[in-house]
Amino acid sequence: DFDRALLAAKAVCTSPDATRSYRLQGCQRAGLLAQWHRRDDELARRMFELGCEGDGAEDSKLDASFRETSCAHALRLHKE
């Protein structure tokens, strides 16, 4: 069920206890679910922006990939 998956991803994205890697993945997943299945671009943009926050100086290559993708999606949705 996409609604439950979205709720779970949002919870991970906003959890202060989640590791950086897990949080970045959760934000990107929440953004994609909001955009594709809910057709809610505003929620998707907020989730992508959360996945873009921070300096990324200590990101692993995988974390950097999630962050870069979220930043690109947030920027694209902001322009629309």
Protein backbone atom coordinates (compact mmCIF):
# COMPACT_ATOMS: atom_id res chain seq x y z
CA ASP A 1 0.00 0.00 0.00
CA PHE A 2 1.56 3.27 -1.17
CA ASP A 3 0.00 5.41 1.57
CA ARG A 4 1.60 3.30 4.30
CA ALA A 5 4.92 3.31 2.45
CA LEU A 6 4.73 7.10 2.21
CA LEU A 7 3.96 7.46 5.93
CA ALA A 8 6.88 5.19 6.83
CA ALA A 9 9.28 7.04 4.52
CA LYS A 10 8.15 10.43 5.90
CA ALA A 11 8.72 9.16 9.44
CA VAL A 12 12.26 8.06 8.60
CA CYS A 13 12.97 11.30 6.73
CA THR A 14 12.00 13.44 9.71
CA SER A 15 13.36 11.19 12.48
CA PRO A 16 16.23 12.70 14.45
CA ASP A 17 17.24 9.17 15.47
CA ALA A 18 17.67 7.80 11.93
CA THR A 19 21.19 7.53 10.57
CA ARG A 20 22.10 10.03 7.86
CA SER A 21 22.09 7.36 5.17
CA TYR A 22 18.70 5.98 6.19
CA ARG A 23 17.23 9.48 6.51
CA LEU A 24 18.45 10.56 3.05
CA GLN A 25 17.01 7.41 1.52
CA GLY A 26 13.72 7.94 3.38
CA CYS A 27 13.41 11.53 2.17
CA GLN A 28 14.03 10.56 -1.42
CA ARG A 29 11.57 7.66 -1.21
CA ALA A 30 8.92 9.88 0.43
CA GLY A 31 9.39 12.50 -2.26
CA LEU A 32 9.06 9.99 -5.06
CA LEU A 33 6.00 8.36 -3.52
CA ALA A 34 4.35 11.74 -2.96
CA GLN A 35 5.07 12.80 -6.51
CA TRP A 36 4.24 9.62 -8.40
CA HIS A 37 1.44 8.04 -6.38
CA ARG A 38 -0.15 10.95 -4.56
CA ARG A 39 0.43 13.51 -7.32
CA ASP A 40 1.29 15.95 -4.52
CA ASP A 41 4.16 18.06 -5.83
CA GLU A 42 4.21 20.33 -2.75
CA LEU A 43 4.69 17.40 -0.36
CA ALA A 44 7.24 15.87 -2.73
CA ARG A 45 9.20 19.13 -2.85
CA ARG A 46 9.25 19.36 0.97
CA MET A 47 10.50 15.79 1.28
CA PHE A 48 13.18 16.32 -1.36
CA GLU A 49 14.26 19.55 0.38
CA LEU A 50 14.67 17.67 3.65
CA GLY A 51 16.84 15.15 1.82
CA CYS A 52 18.92 18.01 0.47
CA GLU A 53 19.59 19.77 3.79
CA GLY A 54 23.00 19.76 5.37
CA ASP A 55 26.47 20.25 4.01
CA GLY A 56 27.14 16.69 2.85
CA ALA A 57 30.82 16.94 3.84
CA GLU A 58 30.72 13.55 5.55
CA ASP A 59 28.46 11.79 3.04
CA SER A 60 29.48 8.44 1.66
CA LYS A 61 29.22 8.06 -2.11
CA LEU A 62 25.78 6.50 -1.68
CA ASP A 63 24.63 9.29 0.65
CA ALA A 64 25.92 11.90 -1.78
CA SER A 65 23.96 10.25 -4.58
CA PHE A 66 20.73 10.35 -2.56
CA ARG A 67 21.38 13.97 -1.55
CA GLU A 68 22.20 15.10 -5.11
CA THR A 69 19.10 13.41 -6.53
CA SER A 70 16.85 14.95 -3.86
CA CYS A 71 18.37 18.39 -4.45
CA ALA A 72 17.80 18.10 -8.20
CA HIS A 73 14.17 17.01 -7.72
CA ALA A 74 13.52 19.80 -5.19
CA LEU A 75 14.98 22.41 -7.54
CA ARG A 76 12.94 21.14 -10.47
CA LEU A 77 9.71 21.15 -8.44
CA HIS A 78 10.49 24.61 -7.07
CA LYS A 79 10.76 25.99 -10.61
CA GLU A 80 7.44 24.48 -11.72
